[in-house]
Amino acid sequence: MQRLAARRTALFRNDRPTVLYAPHFRPALSSWHRLGLEVIETFRQQNRYNLVVAPHIRLFHGVRREEIRRLQALAVPDQIIIDLESERLVDMTYTNGADIYLGDVSSQVYEFISTPRPCIFLNAHAVQWQDDPNYRFWNFGDVIDSPAEILAAADAAPARHALYVESQRTLLAESVGCDPAGAAQRGAAAIERFLEDRRD
């Protein structure tokens, strides 16, 4: 993740901050079904931020082509990308290229915070999340209840990030590890130790 993040490329040809909206695919957990179109419209009505809509790749699995085309038509050149099915949903293009994460319960947030950055979470189902371990990563940023709060939360997010950066680092290390040597080098070292022990 660190090597990929180092190769981040600009998603837009402007200097506006980019918000990544990455909703989960399950209707009972996702913000998309209740709030997704309102999120897009919020960004269509402003000019301070770029938006990338890049949901979990299963969200639109099996959805009719005309519905996908209808949603993609809401994109705005050099302001809003709506990607519902390309390989860029799974190769970290968007998690590496955005400045602020906007999500619900998608684990893509862990890809995003491989380089700690501001996060915002949409509580679309009015969940009492504070003591629920399933929502532990909502401690990575501010939690809001409505798209009407997004722009104010995005404006505040860079300054408020200091409140959450340690939580991001701690949970990332617990979830995916933080050994800069990488899994391949650790595996090779383990094999080497095993072979040396057999010689003794």
N, C-alpha and C. Protein backbone atom coordinates (compact mmCIF):
# COMPACT_ATOMS: atom_id res chain seq x y z
N MET A 1 0.83 -1.20 0.00
CA MET A 1 0.00 0.00 0.00
C MET A 1 0.86 1.25 0.00
N GLN A 2 1.96 1.19 0.75
CA GLN A 2 2.83 2.36 0.80
C GLN A 2 3.47 2.64 -0.56
N ARG A 3 3.89 1.56 -1.26
CA ARG A 3 4.50 1.77 -2.58
C ARG A 3 3.48 2.33 -3.57
N LEU A 4 2.25 1.81 -3.52
CA LEU A 4 1.22 2.33 -4.41
C LEU A 4 0.90 3.79 -4.10
N ALA A 5 0.82 4.11 -2.81
CA ALA A 5 0.50 5.49 -2.43
C ALA A 5 1.57 6.46 -2.90
N ALA A 6 2.81 6.00 -2.95
CA ALA A 6 3.90 6.88 -3.39
C ALA A 6 3.77 7.24 -4.86
N ARG A 7 2.98 6.45 -5.62
CA ARG A 7 2.80 6.71 -7.04
C ARG A 7 1.46 7.37 -7.33
N ARG A 8 0.88 8.05 -6.34
CA ARG A 8 -0.41 8.71 -6.55
C ARG A 8 -0.34 9.66 -7.74
N THR A 9 -1.34 9.60 -8.57
CA THR A 9 -1.44 10.53 -9.69
C THR A 9 -2.72 11.34 -9.55
N ALA A 10 -2.72 12.51 -10.13
CA ALA A 10 -3.88 13.40 -10.01
C ALA A 10 -5.07 12.82 -10.76
N LEU A 11 -6.22 12.83 -10.12
CA LEU A 11 -7.45 12.35 -10.75
C LEU A 11 -8.14 13.45 -11.54
N PHE A 12 -7.84 14.71 -11.20
CA PHE A 12 -8.48 15.86 -11.83
C PHE A 12 -7.42 16.87 -12.24
N ARG A 13 -7.75 17.70 -13.21
CA ARG A 13 -6.81 18.71 -13.69
C ARG A 13 -7.07 20.05 -13.02
N ASN A 14 -7.24 20.04 -11.71
CA ASN A 14 -7.42 21.26 -10.95
C ASN A 14 -6.83 21.03 -9.57
N ASP A 15 -6.79 22.08 -8.76
CA ASP A 15 -6.17 21.95 -7.44
C ASP A 15 -7.19 21.87 -6.31
N ARG A 16 -8.45 21.57 -6.65
CA ARG A 16 -9.44 21.38 -5.59
C ARG A 16 -9.19 20.08 -4.83
N PRO A 17 -9.45 20.04 -3.54
CA PRO A 17 -9.36 18.76 -2.82
C PRO A 17 -10.36 17.76 -3.39
N THR A 18 -9.98 16.51 -3.38
CA THR A 18 -10.83 15.45 -3.92
C THR A 18 -11.39 14.60 -2.78
N VAL A 19 -12.70 14.43 -2.79
CA VAL A 19 -13.40 13.58 -1.82
C VAL A 19 -13.73 12.26 -2.50
N LEU A 20 -13.41 11.16 -1.86
CA LEU A 20 -13.75 9.83 -2.34
C LEU A 20 -14.97 9.33 -1.58
N TYR A 21 -16.06 9.07 -2.29
CA TYR A 21 -17.25 8.47 -1.68
C TYR A 21 -17.27 6.99 -2.04
N ALA A 22 -17.12 6.14 -1.02
CA ALA A 22 -16.96 4.70 -1.23
C ALA A 22 -17.98 3.93 -0.39
N PRO A 23 -19.24 3.88 -0.84
CA PRO A 23 -20.26 3.18 -0.06
C PRO A 23 -20.15 1.66 -0.13
N HIS A 24 -20.62 1.02 0.92
CA HIS A 24 -20.66 -0.44 1.01
C HIS A 24 -21.76 -0.97 0.09
N PHE A 25 -21.74 -2.29 -0.14
CA PHE A 25 -22.69 -2.87 -1.09
C PHE A 25 -23.96 -3.41 -0.43
N ARG A 26 -23.95 -3.71 0.85
CA ARG A 26 -25.13 -4.31 1.48
C ARG A 26 -26.13 -3.22 1.87
N PRO A 27 -27.37 -3.31 1.39
CA PRO A 27 -28.36 -2.26 1.67
C PRO A 27 -28.56 -1.98 3.16
N ALA A 28 -28.47 -3.02 4.00
CA ALA A 28 -28.70 -2.82 5.42
C ALA A 28 -27.59 -2.02 6.10
N LEU A 29 -26.45 -1.89 5.43
CA LEU A 29 -25.31 -1.19 6.01
C LEU A 29 -24.91 0.05 5.21
N SER A 30 -25.21 0.03 3.93
CA SER A 30 -24.71 1.05 3.01
C SER A 30 -25.46 2.36 3.14
N SER A 31 -24.76 3.45 2.84
CA SER A 31 -25.40 4.77 2.75
C SER A 31 -25.94 5.02 1.34
N TRP A 32 -25.53 4.21 0.37
CA TRP A 32 -25.88 4.48 -1.02
C TRP A 32 -27.38 4.52 -1.26
N HIS A 33 -28.09 3.49 -0.82
CA HIS A 33 -29.51 3.34 -1.16
C HIS A 33 -30.36 4.45 -0.58
N ARG A 34 -29.96 4.97 0.54
CA ARG A 34 -30.73 6.06 1.17
C ARG A 34 -30.23 7.45 0.79
N LEU A 35 -28.91 7.58 0.61
CA LEU A 35 -28.35 8.92 0.51
C LEU A 35 -27.45 9.15 -0.71
N GLY A 36 -27.17 8.11 -1.49
CA GLY A 36 -26.17 8.23 -2.54
C GLY A 36 -26.44 9.33 -3.55
N LEU A 37 -27.66 9.41 -4.06
CA LEU A 37 -27.98 10.45 -5.05
C LEU A 37 -27.90 11.84 -4.43
N GLU A 38 -28.25 11.94 -3.17
CA GLU A 38 -28.16 13.23 -2.48
C GLU A 38 -26.69 13.65 -2.29
N VAL A 39 -25.84 12.67 -2.05
CA VAL A 39 -24.40 12.97 -1.95
C VAL A 39 -23.90 13.55 -3.27
N ILE A 40 -24.25 12.89 -4.37
CA ILE A 40 -23.81 13.38 -5.68
C ILE A 40 -24.34 14.78 -5.93
N GLU A 41 -25.61 15.00 -5.65
CA GLU A 41 -26.20 16.31 -5.91
C GLU A 41 -25.55 17.40 -5.05
N THR A 42 -25.18 17.06 -3.84
CA THR A 42 -24.49 18.01 -2.97
C THR A 42 -23.21 18.52 -3.65
N PHE A 43 -22.47 17.62 -4.26
CA PHE A 43 -21.22 18.02 -4.91
C PHE A 43 -21.46 18.67 -6.27
N ARG A 44 -22.55 18.35 -6.91
CA ARG A 44 -22.86 19.01 -8.18
C ARG A 44 -23.22 20.48 -7.98
N GLN A 45 -23.66 20.83 -6.79
CA GLN A 45 -24.11 22.19 -6.50
C GLN A 45 -23.02 23.07 -5.88
N GLN A 46 -21.77 22.63 -5.90
CA GLN A 46 -20.69 23.41 -5.30
C GLN A 46 -19.48 23.38 -6.22
N ASN A 47 -18.48 24.21 -5.92
CA ASN A 47 -17.27 24.22 -6.74
C ASN A 47 -15.99 24.25 -5.91
N ARG A 48 -16.07 23.77 -4.66
CA ARG A 48 -14.90 23.76 -3.78
C ARG A 48 -14.17 22.42 -3.79
N TYR A 49 -14.88 21.35 -4.13
CA TYR A 49 -14.33 20.00 -4.05
C TYR A 49 -14.60 19.22 -5.33
N ASN A 50 -13.68 18.33 -5.65
CA ASN A 50 -13.94 17.27 -6.61
C ASN A 50 -14.55 16.09 -5.86
N LEU A 51 -15.25 15.24 -6.59
CA LEU A 51 -15.84 14.04 -6.00
C LEU A 51 -15.54 12.85 -6.89
N VAL A 52 -15.17 11.74 -6.26
CA VAL A 52 -15.09 10.45 -6.93
C VAL A 52 -16.09 9.53 -6.25
N VAL A 53 -17.05 9.02 -7.00
CA VAL A 53 -17.98 8.01 -6.50
C VAL A 53 -17.43 6.66 -6.94
N ALA A 54 -16.93 5.90 -6.00
CA ALA A 54 -16.27 4.63 -6.30
C ALA A 54 -16.70 3.60 -5.25
N PRO A 55 -17.88 3.04 -5.41
CA PRO A 55 -18.41 2.11 -4.40
C PRO A 55 -17.71 0.76 -4.44
N HIS A 56 -18.02 -0.06 -3.43
CA HIS A 56 -17.59 -1.45 -3.45
C HIS A 56 -18.05 -2.06 -4.77
N ILE A 57 -17.19 -2.83 -5.39
CA ILE A 57 -17.46 -3.33 -6.74
C ILE A 57 -18.71 -4.21 -6.81
N ARG A 58 -19.16 -4.76 -5.69
CA ARG A 58 -20.36 -5.60 -5.70
C ARG A 58 -21.66 -4.78 -5.65
N LEU A 59 -21.56 -3.49 -5.38
CA LEU A 59 -22.78 -2.68 -5.24
C LEU A 59 -23.62 -2.70 -6.51
N PHE A 60 -22.97 -2.66 -7.67
CA PHE A 60 -23.72 -2.60 -8.93
C PHE A 60 -23.61 -3.89 -9.73
N HIS A 61 -23.22 -4.96 -9.07
CA HIS A 61 -23.18 -6.25 -9.73
C HIS A 61 -24.60 -6.68 -10.11
N GLY A 62 -24.81 -6.97 -11.38
CA GLY A 62 -26.13 -7.41 -11.84
C GLY A 62 -27.13 -6.30 -12.11
N VAL A 63 -26.74 -5.05 -11.90
CA VAL A 63 -27.65 -3.93 -12.17
C VAL A 63 -27.74 -3.70 -13.68
N ARG A 64 -28.91 -3.35 -14.16
CA ARG A 64 -29.12 -3.16 -15.59
C ARG A 64 -28.25 -2.05 -16.15
N ARG A 65 -27.81 -2.22 -17.41
CA ARG A 65 -26.92 -1.27 -18.04
C ARG A 65 -27.51 0.14 -18.07
N GLU A 66 -28.81 0.24 -18.32
CA GLU A 66 -29.42 1.57 -18.41
C GLU A 66 -29.37 2.31 -17.08
N GLU A 67 -29.45 1.57 -15.97
CA GLU A 67 -29.34 2.20 -14.66
C GLU A 67 -27.92 2.70 -14.42
N ILE A 68 -26.95 1.90 -14.80
CA ILE A 68 -25.55 2.32 -14.67
C ILE A 68 -25.29 3.55 -15.52
N ARG A 69 -25.78 3.55 -16.76
CA ARG A 69 -25.58 4.71 -17.63
C ARG A 69 -26.27 5.96 -17.08
N ARG A 70 -27.44 5.76 -16.47
CA ARG A 70 -28.16 6.91 -15.90
C ARG A 70 -27.34 7.55 -14.77
N LEU A 71 -26.73 6.73 -13.95
CA LEU A 71 -25.93 7.25 -12.85
C LEU A 71 -24.62 7.86 -13.36
N GLN A 72 -24.00 7.21 -14.31
CA GLN A 72 -22.75 7.75 -14.86
C GLN A 72 -22.97 9.10 -15.53
N ALA A 73 -24.18 9.34 -16.03
CA ALA A 73 -24.49 10.62 -16.68
C ALA A 73 -24.48 11.78 -15.69
N LEU A 74 -24.47 11.48 -14.38
CA LEU A 74 -24.42 12.53 -13.37
C LEU A 74 -23.00 13.06 -13.15
N ALA A 75 -22.03 12.41 -13.78
CA ALA A 75 -20.64 12.88 -13.66
C ALA A 75 -20.51 14.27 -14.28
N VAL A 76 -19.53 15.02 -13.78
CA VAL A 76 -19.25 16.37 -14.29
C VAL A 76 -17.78 16.41 -14.70
N PRO A 77 -17.48 16.75 -15.95
CA PRO A 77 -16.08 16.75 -16.37
C PRO A 77 -15.19 17.59 -15.45
N ASP A 78 -14.07 17.00 -15.06
CA ASP A 78 -13.08 17.65 -14.20
C ASP A 78 -13.65 18.13 -12.86
N GLN A 79 -14.71 17.46 -12.42
CA GLN A 79 -15.25 17.76 -11.09
C GLN A 79 -15.80 16.51 -10.40
N ILE A 80 -16.53 15.67 -11.12
CA ILE A 80 -17.13 14.48 -10.51
C ILE A 80 -16.90 13.27 -11.41
N ILE A 81 -16.24 12.25 -10.85
CA ILE A 81 -16.07 10.95 -11.50
C ILE A 81 -17.06 9.99 -10.86
N ILE A 82 -17.80 9.25 -11.67
CA ILE A 82 -18.69 8.21 -11.16
C ILE A 82 -18.27 6.90 -11.83
N ASP A 83 -17.60 6.06 -11.07
CA ASP A 83 -17.06 4.80 -11.57
C ASP A 83 -17.75 3.67 -10.82
N LEU A 84 -18.55 2.90 -11.52
CA LEU A 84 -19.33 1.85 -10.87
C LEU A 84 -18.86 0.45 -11.21
N GLU A 85 -17.84 0.31 -12.08
CA GLU A 85 -17.52 -1.05 -12.51
C GLU A 85 -16.12 -1.25 -13.06
N SER A 86 -15.27 -0.25 -13.10
CA SER A 86 -13.97 -0.44 -13.72
C SER A 86 -12.97 -1.08 -12.75
N GLU A 87 -11.81 -1.48 -13.31
CA GLU A 87 -10.75 -2.06 -12.49
C GLU A 87 -10.18 -1.06 -11.49
N ARG A 88 -10.40 0.21 -11.75
CA ARG A 88 -9.86 1.22 -10.83
C ARG A 88 -10.55 1.18 -9.46
N LEU A 89 -11.67 0.47 -9.37
CA LEU A 89 -12.33 0.30 -8.07
C LEU A 89 -11.53 -0.61 -7.15
N VAL A 90 -10.65 -1.42 -7.72
CA VAL A 90 -9.95 -2.41 -6.90
C VAL A 90 -8.43 -2.29 -6.94
N ASP A 91 -7.89 -1.32 -7.66
CA ASP A 91 -6.43 -1.22 -7.75
C ASP A 91 -5.86 -0.04 -6.95
N MET A 92 -6.67 0.54 -6.08
CA MET A 92 -6.28 1.63 -5.19
C MET A 92 -6.07 2.96 -5.91
N THR A 93 -6.49 3.06 -7.16
CA THR A 93 -6.39 4.33 -7.87
C THR A 93 -7.08 5.44 -7.09
N TYR A 94 -8.28 5.16 -6.64
CA TYR A 94 -9.07 6.21 -5.99
C TYR A 94 -8.68 6.40 -4.53
N THR A 95 -8.41 5.31 -3.82
CA THR A 95 -8.01 5.47 -2.41
C THR A 95 -6.66 6.18 -2.31
N ASN A 96 -5.80 5.99 -3.30
CA ASN A 96 -4.52 6.71 -3.29
C ASN A 96 -4.65 8.14 -3.78
N GLY A 97 -5.62 8.40 -4.66
CA GLY A 97 -5.68 9.69 -5.32
C GLY A 97 -6.54 10.74 -4.65
N ALA A 98 -7.28 10.37 -3.60
CA ALA A 98 -8.19 11.31 -2.94
C ALA A 98 -7.55 11.94 -1.72
N ASP A 99 -8.15 13.04 -1.28
CA ASP A 99 -7.66 13.78 -0.11
C ASP A 99 -8.51 13.54 1.13
N ILE A 100 -9.80 13.28 0.93
CA ILE A 100 -10.75 13.07 2.03
C ILE A 100 -11.60 11.85 1.70
N TYR A 101 -11.78 10.99 2.68
CA TYR A 101 -12.60 9.79 2.50
C TYR A 101 -14.00 10.05 3.06
N LEU A 102 -15.02 9.69 2.28
CA LEU A 102 -16.41 9.77 2.72
C LEU A 102 -17.00 8.38 2.54
N GLY A 103 -17.39 7.74 3.64
CA GLY A 103 -17.88 6.38 3.50
C GLY A 103 -18.87 6.00 4.58
N ASP A 104 -19.11 4.70 4.66
CA ASP A 104 -20.01 4.18 5.69
C ASP A 104 -19.30 3.02 6.40
N VAL A 105 -19.46 1.79 5.92
CA VAL A 105 -18.80 0.67 6.59
C VAL A 105 -17.87 -0.11 5.67
N SER A 106 -17.48 0.46 4.56
CA SER A 106 -16.61 -0.25 3.64
C SER A 106 -15.18 -0.33 4.19
N SER A 107 -14.59 -1.51 4.05
CA SER A 107 -13.21 -1.69 4.51
C SER A 107 -12.21 -0.97 3.62
N GLN A 108 -12.66 -0.37 2.51
CA GLN A 108 -11.75 0.42 1.69
C GLN A 108 -11.08 1.54 2.48
N VAL A 109 -11.68 1.92 3.60
CA VAL A 109 -11.09 2.98 4.41
C VAL A 109 -9.68 2.60 4.85
N TYR A 110 -9.40 1.31 5.02
CA TYR A 110 -8.07 0.90 5.43
C TYR A 110 -7.05 1.13 4.32
N GLU A 111 -7.46 0.97 3.06
CA GLU A 111 -6.58 1.32 1.96
C GLU A 111 -6.29 2.83 1.98
N PHE A 112 -7.34 3.60 2.23
CA PHE A 112 -7.19 5.05 2.22
C PHE A 112 -6.22 5.53 3.30
N ILE A 113 -6.35 4.99 4.51
CA ILE A 113 -5.52 5.49 5.62
C ILE A 113 -4.15 4.84 5.65
N SER A 114 -3.79 4.07 4.62
CA SER A 114 -2.40 3.60 4.56
C SER A 114 -1.46 4.80 4.55
N THR A 115 -1.95 5.92 4.04
CA THR A 115 -1.36 7.24 4.28
C THR A 115 -2.41 8.01 5.06
N PRO A 116 -2.23 8.22 6.37
CA PRO A 116 -3.30 8.84 7.17
C PRO A 116 -3.78 10.15 6.57
N ARG A 117 -5.10 10.23 6.41
CA ARG A 117 -5.74 11.41 5.82
C ARG A 117 -7.13 11.56 6.44
N PRO A 118 -7.76 12.72 6.23
CA PRO A 118 -9.07 12.96 6.86
C PRO A 118 -10.17 12.04 6.34
N CYS A 119 -11.02 11.62 7.25
CA CYS A 119 -12.17 10.76 6.94
C CYS A 119 -13.45 11.35 7.50
N ILE A 120 -14.55 11.05 6.80
CA ILE A 120 -15.91 11.41 7.24
C ILE A 120 -16.77 10.17 7.03
N PHE A 121 -17.67 9.90 7.98
CA PHE A 121 -18.53 8.72 7.86
C PHE A 121 -19.99 9.13 7.91
N LEU A 122 -20.77 8.55 7.00
CA LEU A 122 -22.21 8.82 6.91
C LEU A 122 -22.98 7.76 7.69
N ASN A 123 -23.66 8.19 8.72
CA ASN A 123 -24.47 7.28 9.53
C ASN A 123 -25.89 7.28 8.96
N ALA A 124 -26.06 6.55 7.86
CA ALA A 124 -27.33 6.58 7.13
C ALA A 124 -28.44 5.82 7.83
N HIS A 125 -28.11 4.96 8.78
CA HIS A 125 -29.11 4.13 9.44
C HIS A 125 -29.31 4.48 10.91
N ALA A 126 -28.85 5.65 11.31
CA ALA A 126 -29.01 6.12 12.69
C ALA A 126 -28.52 5.08 13.70
N VAL A 127 -27.36 4.53 13.44
CA VAL A 127 -26.78 3.48 14.29
C VAL A 127 -26.21 4.11 15.55
N GLN A 128 -26.42 3.45 16.68
CA GLN A 128 -25.74 3.81 17.92
C GLN A 128 -24.38 3.09 17.89
N TRP A 129 -23.41 3.75 17.32
CA TRP A 129 -22.18 3.09 16.92
C TRP A 129 -21.04 3.20 17.93
N GLN A 130 -21.14 4.11 18.88
CA GLN A 130 -19.97 4.46 19.69
C GLN A 130 -19.34 3.27 20.42
N ASP A 131 -20.14 2.34 20.92
CA ASP A 131 -19.60 1.20 21.66
C ASP A 131 -19.70 -0.11 20.90
N ASP A 132 -19.93 -0.02 19.60
CA ASP A 132 -20.08 -1.20 18.77
C ASP A 132 -18.76 -1.49 18.06
N PRO A 133 -18.13 -2.63 18.35
CA PRO A 133 -16.83 -2.91 17.72
C PRO A 133 -16.91 -3.01 16.20
N ASN A 134 -18.08 -3.28 15.64
CA ASN A 134 -18.23 -3.33 14.19
C ASN A 134 -18.03 -1.96 13.54
N TYR A 135 -18.14 -0.91 14.33
CA TYR A 135 -17.97 0.45 13.82
C TYR A 135 -16.71 1.10 14.39
N ARG A 136 -15.76 0.28 14.77
CA ARG A 136 -14.58 0.80 15.43
C ARG A 136 -13.86 1.84 14.57
N PHE A 137 -13.85 1.61 13.24
CA PHE A 137 -13.10 2.55 12.41
C PHE A 137 -13.83 3.87 12.19
N TRP A 138 -15.02 4.03 12.73
CA TRP A 138 -15.64 5.36 12.71
C TRP A 138 -14.92 6.31 13.67
N ASN A 139 -13.94 5.80 14.38
CA ASN A 139 -13.06 6.65 15.17
C ASN A 139 -11.93 7.24 14.34
N PHE A 140 -12.00 7.06 13.01
CA PHE A 140 -11.00 7.64 12.11
C PHE A 140 -11.35 9.05 11.68
N GLY A 141 -12.58 9.50 11.98
CA GLY A 141 -13.00 10.83 11.53
C GLY A 141 -14.36 11.18 12.07
N ASP A 142 -14.85 12.34 11.67
CA ASP A 142 -16.17 12.78 12.12
C ASP A 142 -17.27 11.92 11.51
N VAL A 143 -18.33 11.70 12.28
CA VAL A 143 -19.50 10.94 11.83
C VAL A 143 -20.65 11.92 11.67
N ILE A 144 -21.28 11.91 10.50
CA ILE A 144 -22.39 12.82 10.23
C ILE A 144 -23.63 12.00 9.86
N ASP A 145 -24.78 12.64 9.90
CA ASP A 145 -26.04 11.94 9.70
C ASP A 145 -26.72 12.25 8.38
N SER A 146 -26.24 13.26 7.66
CA SER A 146 -26.96 13.72 6.47
C SER A 146 -25.99 14.31 5.45
N PRO A 147 -26.29 14.16 4.15
CA PRO A 147 -25.48 14.83 3.14
C PRO A 147 -25.44 16.34 3.31
N ALA A 148 -26.44 16.91 3.97
CA ALA A 148 -26.42 18.36 4.20
C ALA A 148 -25.23 18.79 5.05
N GLU A 149 -24.64 17.86 5.77
CA GLU A 149 -23.50 18.16 6.64
C GLU A 149 -22.15 17.93 5.96
N ILE A 150 -22.14 17.38 4.75
CA ILE A 150 -20.88 16.94 4.14
C ILE A 150 -19.91 18.09 3.90
N LEU A 151 -20.37 19.16 3.29
CA LEU A 151 -19.43 20.22 2.92
C LEU A 151 -18.80 20.88 4.15
N ALA A 152 -19.60 21.11 5.18
CA ALA A 152 -19.05 21.67 6.41
C ALA A 152 -18.05 20.70 7.04
N ALA A 153 -18.38 19.40 7.01
CA ALA A 153 -17.46 18.40 7.56
C ALA A 153 -16.17 18.33 6.74
N ALA A 154 -16.30 18.45 5.41
CA ALA A 154 -15.11 18.43 4.56
C ALA A 154 -14.24 19.66 4.80
N ASP A 155 -14.89 20.82 4.97
CA ASP A 155 -14.14 22.04 5.27
C ASP A 155 -13.34 21.89 6.56
N ALA A 156 -13.95 21.26 7.55
CA ALA A 156 -13.32 21.13 8.87
C ALA A 156 -12.34 19.97 8.95
N ALA A 157 -12.44 19.02 8.04
CA ALA A 157 -11.70 17.76 8.16
C ALA A 157 -10.19 17.92 8.25
N PRO A 158 -9.55 18.75 7.44
CA PRO A 158 -8.08 18.84 7.57
C PRO A 158 -7.62 19.29 8.96
N ALA A 159 -8.30 20.26 9.53
CA ALA A 159 -7.91 20.74 10.85
C ALA A 159 -8.23 19.71 11.93
N ARG A 160 -9.32 18.98 11.76
CA ARG A 160 -9.75 18.00 12.76
C ARG A 160 -9.00 16.67 12.63
N HIS A 161 -8.25 16.51 11.57
CA HIS A 161 -7.57 15.24 11.35
C HIS A 161 -6.62 14.89 12.49
N ALA A 162 -6.04 15.89 13.12
CA ALA A 162 -5.12 15.62 14.23
C ALA A 162 -5.80 14.85 15.37
N LEU A 163 -7.11 14.97 15.49
CA LEU A 163 -7.85 14.26 16.53
C LEU A 163 -7.91 12.76 16.26
N TYR A 164 -7.71 12.37 15.00
CA TYR A 164 -7.97 10.99 14.60
C TYR A 164 -6.75 10.26 14.06
N VAL A 165 -5.66 10.96 13.82
CA VAL A 165 -4.54 10.34 13.11
C VAL A 165 -3.94 9.19 13.91
N GLU A 166 -3.89 9.30 15.23
CA GLU A 166 -3.31 8.22 16.02
C GLU A 166 -4.19 6.98 15.98
N SER A 167 -5.50 7.18 16.01
CA SER A 167 -6.42 6.05 15.88
C SER A 167 -6.25 5.37 14.53
N GLN A 168 -6.08 6.16 13.47
CA GLN A 168 -5.86 5.59 12.14
C GLN A 168 -4.61 4.72 12.13
N ARG A 169 -3.52 5.24 12.66
CA ARG A 169 -2.26 4.49 12.64
C ARG A 169 -2.38 3.20 13.46
N THR A 170 -3.01 3.30 14.63
CA THR A 170 -3.11 2.14 15.52
C THR A 170 -3.95 1.03 14.90
N LEU A 171 -5.13 1.37 14.40
CA LEU A 171 -6.02 0.35 13.84
C LEU A 171 -5.51 -0.19 12.51
N LEU A 172 -4.81 0.63 11.74
CA LEU A 172 -4.21 0.13 10.51
C LEU A 172 -3.16 -0.93 10.85
N ALA A 173 -2.33 -0.65 11.84
CA ALA A 173 -1.31 -1.61 12.23
C ALA A 173 -1.94 -2.91 12.74
N GLU A 174 -3.03 -2.80 13.50
CA GLU A 174 -3.70 -3.99 14.01
C GLU A 174 -4.36 -4.79 12.89
N SER A 175 -4.83 -4.09 11.87
CA SER A 175 -5.61 -4.75 10.82
C SER A 175 -4.76 -5.35 9.72
N VAL A 176 -3.77 -4.60 9.24
CA VAL A 176 -2.99 -5.08 8.09
C VAL A 176 -1.50 -5.12 8.36
N GLY A 177 -1.09 -4.72 9.55
CA GLY A 177 0.33 -4.75 9.88
C GLY A 177 1.03 -3.48 9.46
N CYS A 178 2.20 -3.27 9.99
CA CYS A 178 2.94 -2.06 9.68
C CYS A 178 4.43 -2.32 9.50
N ASP A 179 4.79 -3.58 9.20
CA ASP A 179 6.20 -3.91 9.01
C ASP A 179 6.64 -3.43 7.63
N PRO A 180 7.53 -2.45 7.57
CA PRO A 180 7.93 -1.92 6.26
C PRO A 180 8.67 -2.93 5.39
N ALA A 181 9.16 -4.03 5.97
CA ALA A 181 9.86 -5.04 5.18
C ALA A 181 8.91 -5.74 4.22
N GLY A 182 7.66 -5.87 4.59
CA GLY A 182 6.69 -6.50 3.71
C GLY A 182 6.61 -8.00 3.92
N ALA A 183 5.47 -8.58 3.51
CA ALA A 183 5.20 -9.99 3.72
C ALA A 183 6.19 -10.89 2.97
N ALA A 184 6.56 -10.51 1.75
CA ALA A 184 7.46 -11.35 0.96
C ALA A 184 8.82 -11.50 1.66
N GLN A 185 9.35 -10.40 2.16
CA GLN A 185 10.65 -10.48 2.83
C GLN A 185 10.55 -11.23 4.15
N ARG A 186 9.43 -11.06 4.88
CA ARG A 186 9.27 -11.81 6.12
C ARG A 186 9.17 -13.30 5.84
N GLY A 187 8.44 -13.66 4.77
CA GLY A 187 8.32 -15.07 4.40
C GLY A 187 9.66 -15.67 4.02
N ALA A 188 10.44 -14.94 3.23
CA ALA A 188 11.76 -15.43 2.82
C ALA A 188 12.67 -15.62 4.03
N ALA A 189 12.60 -14.69 4.97
CA ALA A 189 13.43 -14.81 6.18
C ALA A 189 13.01 -16.02 7.00
N ALA A 190 11.70 -16.29 7.08
CA ALA A 190 11.22 -17.45 7.84
C ALA A 190 11.70 -18.75 7.20
N ILE A 191 11.67 -18.83 5.87
CA ILE A 191 12.15 -20.03 5.17
C ILE A 191 13.64 -20.21 5.40
N GLU A 192 14.37 -19.12 5.33
CA GLU A 192 15.82 -19.19 5.55
C GLU A 192 16.13 -19.71 6.96
N ARG A 193 15.39 -19.19 7.97
CA ARG A 193 15.61 -19.68 9.34
C ARG A 193 15.27 -21.16 9.46
N PHE A 194 14.19 -21.57 8.82
CA PHE A 194 13.80 -22.98 8.86
C PHE A 194 14.89 -23.89 8.28
N LEU A 195 15.43 -23.49 7.12
CA LEU A 195 16.46 -24.28 6.47
C LEU A 195 17.74 -24.33 7.32
N GLU A 196 18.08 -23.21 7.92
CA GLU A 196 19.26 -23.18 8.78
C GLU A 196 19.09 -24.10 9.99
N ASP A 197 17.87 -24.11 10.56
CA ASP A 197 17.62 -24.98 11.72
C ASP A 197 17.73 -26.46 11.34
N ARG A 198 17.36 -26.82 10.12
CA ARG A 198 17.42 -28.22 9.68
C ARG A 198 18.87 -28.66 9.47
N ARG A 199 19.73 -27.69 9.15
CA ARG A 199 21.15 -28.05 8.97
C ARG A 199 21.81 -28.38 10.31
N ASP A 200 21.32 -27.74 11.39
CA ASP A 200 21.96 -27.90 12.70
C ASP A 200 21.72 -29.25 13.31
